[in-house]
């Protein structure tokens, strides 16, 4: 059974930092991509950052220079380090591993 579990969300003041984690289990083949999306109230879900098993990364323009995606040595845990957070970063953050989605973790940035 595939499980994608996010953690690390919470409430933080503008300018602060949070680190999200995403753990994938039950996937019986090589994981090629791990991605973070977010969805703010009333808005569409958008891609925030992605990483391939070769280490290539991509970021939304709105988070470049502030967020960093990485994986651990197993390539089954992904992290999203979020620095210099802004109120506009408030959203539910979802991890996507290949075709599988997690349940999301809430990030709230207060001004």
C-alpha atoms as a PDB file:
ATOM      1  CA  UNK A   1       0.000   0.000   0.000  1.00  0.00           C
ATOM      2  CA  UNK A   2       1.466   3.331  -1.063  1.00  0.00           C
ATOM      3  CA  UNK A   3       1.624   6.032   1.589  1.00  0.00           C
ATOM      4  CA  UNK A   4       2.737   9.622   1.153  1.00  0.00           C
ATOM      5  CA  UNK A   5       2.963  11.433   4.470  1.00  0.00           C
ATOM      6  CA  UNK A   6       3.774  15.119   4.858  1.00  0.00           C
ATOM      7  CA  UNK A   7       4.805  16.819   8.079  1.00  0.00           C
ATOM      8  CA  UNK A   8       6.325  20.049   9.325  1.00  0.00           C
ATOM      9  CA  UNK A   9       3.586  22.562   8.622  1.00  0.00           C
ATOM     10  CA  UNK A  10       2.475  25.125  11.125  1.00  0.00           C
ATOM     11  CA  UNK A  11       2.080  28.783  11.964  1.00  0.00           C
ATOM     12  CA  UNK A  12       5.027  31.114  11.512  1.00  0.00           C
ATOM     13  CA  UNK A  13       5.535  34.859  11.361  1.00  0.00           C
ATOM     14  CA  UNK A  14       6.494  36.582   8.139  1.00  0.00           C
ATOM     15  CA  UNK A  15      10.231  36.308   7.600  1.00  0.00           C
ATOM     16  CA  UNK A  16      10.427  33.009   9.418  1.00  0.00           C
ATOM     17  CA  UNK A  17      11.289  29.515   8.212  1.00  0.00           C
ATOM     18  CA  UNK A  18       9.717  26.081   8.114  1.00  0.00           C
ATOM     19  CA  UNK A  19      10.924  22.720   6.866  1.00  0.00           C
ATOM     20  CA  UNK A  20       8.416  20.309   5.390  1.00  0.00           C
ATOM     21  CA  UNK A  21       9.056  16.595   5.074  1.00  0.00           C
ATOM     22  CA  UNK A  22       7.484  14.042   2.771  1.00  0.00           C
ATOM     23  CA  UNK A  23       7.973  10.329   3.322  1.00  0.00           C
ATOM     24  CA  UNK A  24       7.021   7.829   0.645  1.00  0.00           C
ATOM     25  CA  UNK A  25       6.494   4.156   1.368  1.00  0.00           C
ATOM     26  CA  UNK A  26       5.087   1.160  -0.443  1.00  0.00           C
ATOM     27  CA  UNK A  27       6.336   2.212  -3.873  1.00  0.00           C
ATOM     28  CA  UNK A  28       7.947  -0.849  -5.353  1.00  0.00           C
ATOM     29  CA  UNK A  29       9.798   0.805  -8.225  1.00  0.00           C
ATOM     30  CA  UNK A  30      12.339   3.582  -8.576  1.00  0.00           C
ATOM     31  CA  UNK A  31      11.046   7.014  -7.713  1.00  0.00           C
ATOM     32  CA  UNK A  32      11.924   9.486 -10.449  1.00  0.00           C
ATOM     33  CA  UNK A  33      10.270  12.650  -9.230  1.00  0.00           C
ATOM     34  CA  UNK A  34       9.138  14.157  -5.958  1.00  0.00           C
ATOM     35  CA  UNK A  35       7.253  17.422  -6.003  1.00  0.00           C
ATOM     36  CA  UNK A  36       5.694  19.926  -3.655  1.00  0.00           C
ATOM     37  CA  UNK A  37       2.473  21.703  -4.609  1.00  0.00           C
ATOM     38  CA  UNK A  38       0.393  24.185  -2.671  1.00  0.00           C
ATOM     39  CA  UNK A  39      -3.183  25.331  -2.738  1.00  0.00           C
ATOM     40  CA  UNK A  40      -4.363  28.536  -1.135  1.00  0.00           C
ATOM     41  CA  UNK A  41      -8.065  29.163  -0.416  1.00  0.00           C
ATOM     42  CA  UNK A  42      -9.927  30.006  -3.610  1.00  0.00           C
ATOM     43  CA  UNK A  43      -6.907  29.328  -5.799  1.00  0.00           C
ATOM     44  CA  UNK A  44      -5.763  26.484  -8.000  1.00  0.00           C
ATOM     45  CA  UNK A  45      -3.150  24.026  -6.836  1.00  0.00           C
ATOM     46  CA  UNK A  46       0.260  25.104  -8.106  1.00  0.00           C
ATOM     47  CA  UNK A  47       3.653  23.486  -8.392  1.00  0.00           C
ATOM     48  CA  UNK A  48       6.118  24.899  -5.888  1.00  0.00           C
ATOM     49  CA  UNK A  49       9.212  22.763  -6.416  1.00  0.00           C
ATOM     50  CA  UNK A  50      10.298  19.448  -7.846  1.00  0.00           C
ATOM     51  CA  UNK A  51      13.332  17.188  -7.768  1.00  0.00           C
ATOM     52  CA  UNK A  52      14.348  14.207  -9.858  1.00  0.00           C
ATOM     53  CA  UNK A  53      16.304  11.167  -8.718  1.00  0.00           C
ATOM     54  CA  UNK A  54      19.293  12.689 -10.554  1.00  0.00           C
ATOM     55  CA  UNK A  55      19.078  15.765  -8.341  1.00  0.00           C
ATOM     56  CA  UNK A  56      17.690  18.198 -10.896  1.00  0.00           C
ATOM     57  CA  UNK A  57      15.419  20.769  -9.330  1.00  0.00           C
ATOM     58  CA  UNK A  58      12.862  23.291 -10.506  1.00  0.00           C
ATOM     59  CA  UNK A  59      10.995  26.026  -8.670  1.00  0.00           C
ATOM     60  CA  UNK A  60       8.055  28.339  -9.128  1.00  0.00           C
ATOM     61  CA  UNK A  61       9.250  31.882  -9.781  1.00  0.00           C
ATOM     62  CA  UNK A  62       7.504  33.050  -6.617  1.00  0.00           C
ATOM     63  CA  UNK A  63       9.720  30.903  -4.372  1.00  0.00           C
ATOM     64  CA  UNK A  64      13.075  30.956  -6.167  1.00  0.00           C
ATOM     65  CA  UNK A  65      15.844  31.973  -3.813  1.00  0.00           C
ATOM     66  CA  UNK A  66      13.675  31.347  -0.735  1.00  0.00           C
ATOM     67  CA  UNK A  67      12.718  27.663  -0.929  1.00  0.00           C
ATOM     68  CA  UNK A  68      14.952  24.643  -1.438  1.00  0.00           C
ATOM     69  CA  UNK A  69      13.900  21.074  -2.216  1.00  0.00           C
ATOM     70  CA  UNK A  70      16.091  18.104  -1.374  1.00  0.00           C
ATOM     71  CA  UNK A  71      15.926  14.380  -0.700  1.00  0.00           C
ATOM     72  CA  UNK A  72      17.652  12.026   1.683  1.00  0.00           C
ATOM     73  CA  UNK A  73      20.002   9.239   0.630  1.00  0.00           C
ATOM     74  CA  UNK A  74      17.158   6.769   0.173  1.00  0.00           C
ATOM     75  CA  UNK A  75      15.437   9.129  -2.295  1.00  0.00           C
ATOM     76  CA  UNK A  76      12.186   8.274  -0.533  1.00  0.00           C
ATOM     77  CA  UNK A  77      12.055  11.323   1.722  1.00  0.00           C
ATOM     78  CA  UNK A  78      11.808  14.812   0.317  1.00  0.00           C
ATOM     79  CA  UNK A  79      12.226  18.070   2.160  1.00  0.00           C
ATOM     80  CA  UNK A  80      11.129  21.594   1.409  1.00  0.00           C
ATOM     81  CA  UNK A  81      13.125  24.203   3.287  1.00  0.00           C
ATOM     82  CA  UNK A  82      11.132  27.427   3.244  1.00  0.00           C
ATOM     83  CA  UNK A  83      12.875  30.625   4.261  1.00  0.00           C
ATOM     84  CA  UNK A  84      11.824  34.269   4.332  1.00  0.00           C
ATOM     85  CA  UNK A  85       8.196  33.209   4.401  1.00  0.00           C
ATOM     86  CA  UNK A  86       5.520  35.662   3.314  1.00  0.00           C
ATOM     87  CA  UNK A  87       1.787  35.755   4.039  1.00  0.00           C
ATOM     88  CA  UNK A  88       1.248  34.835   0.360  1.00  0.00           C
ATOM     89  CA  UNK A  89       2.919  31.500   1.090  1.00  0.00           C
ATOM     90  CA  UNK A  90      -0.050  30.522   3.259  1.00  0.00           C
ATOM     91  CA  UNK A  91      -1.557  27.373   1.783  1.00  0.00           C
ATOM     92  CA  UNK A  92      -1.971  23.659   2.172  1.00  0.00           C
ATOM     93  CA  UNK A  93       1.231  22.069   0.905  1.00  0.00           C
ATOM     94  CA  UNK A  94       0.978  18.713  -0.816  1.00  0.00           C
ATOM     95  CA  UNK A  95       3.677  16.239  -1.702  1.00  0.00           C
ATOM     96  CA  UNK A  96       3.397  14.303  -4.934  1.00  0.00           C
ATOM     97  CA  UNK A  97       5.566  11.255  -5.571  1.00  0.00           C
ATOM     98  CA  UNK A  98       5.199  10.000  -9.113  1.00  0.00           C
ATOM     99  CA  UNK A  99       1.375   9.653  -9.389  1.00  0.00           C
ATOM    100  CA  UNK A 100       0.672   9.555  -5.654  1.00  0.00           C
ATOM    101  CA  UNK A 101      -0.475  12.468  -3.480  1.00  0.00           C
ATOM    102  CA  UNK A 102      -0.221  13.055   0.228  1.00  0.00           C
ATOM    103  CA  UNK A 103      -2.987  14.513   2.366  1.00  0.00           C
ATOM    104  CA  UNK A 104      -1.320  17.890   2.738  1.00  0.00           C
ATOM    105  CA  UNK A 105       0.044  19.973   5.577  1.00  0.00           C
ATOM    106  CA  UNK A 106      -1.128  23.481   6.439  1.00  0.00           C
ATOM    107  CA  UNK A 107       1.340  26.354   6.368  1.00  0.00           C
ATOM    108  CA  UNK A 108       0.130  29.662   7.730  1.00  0.00           C
ATOM    109  CA  UNK A 109       2.299  32.779   7.617  1.00  0.00           C
ATOM    110  CA  UNK A 110       1.133  35.687   9.728  1.00  0.00           C
ATOM    111  CA  UNK A 111       1.991  39.285   8.918  1.00  0.00           C
END
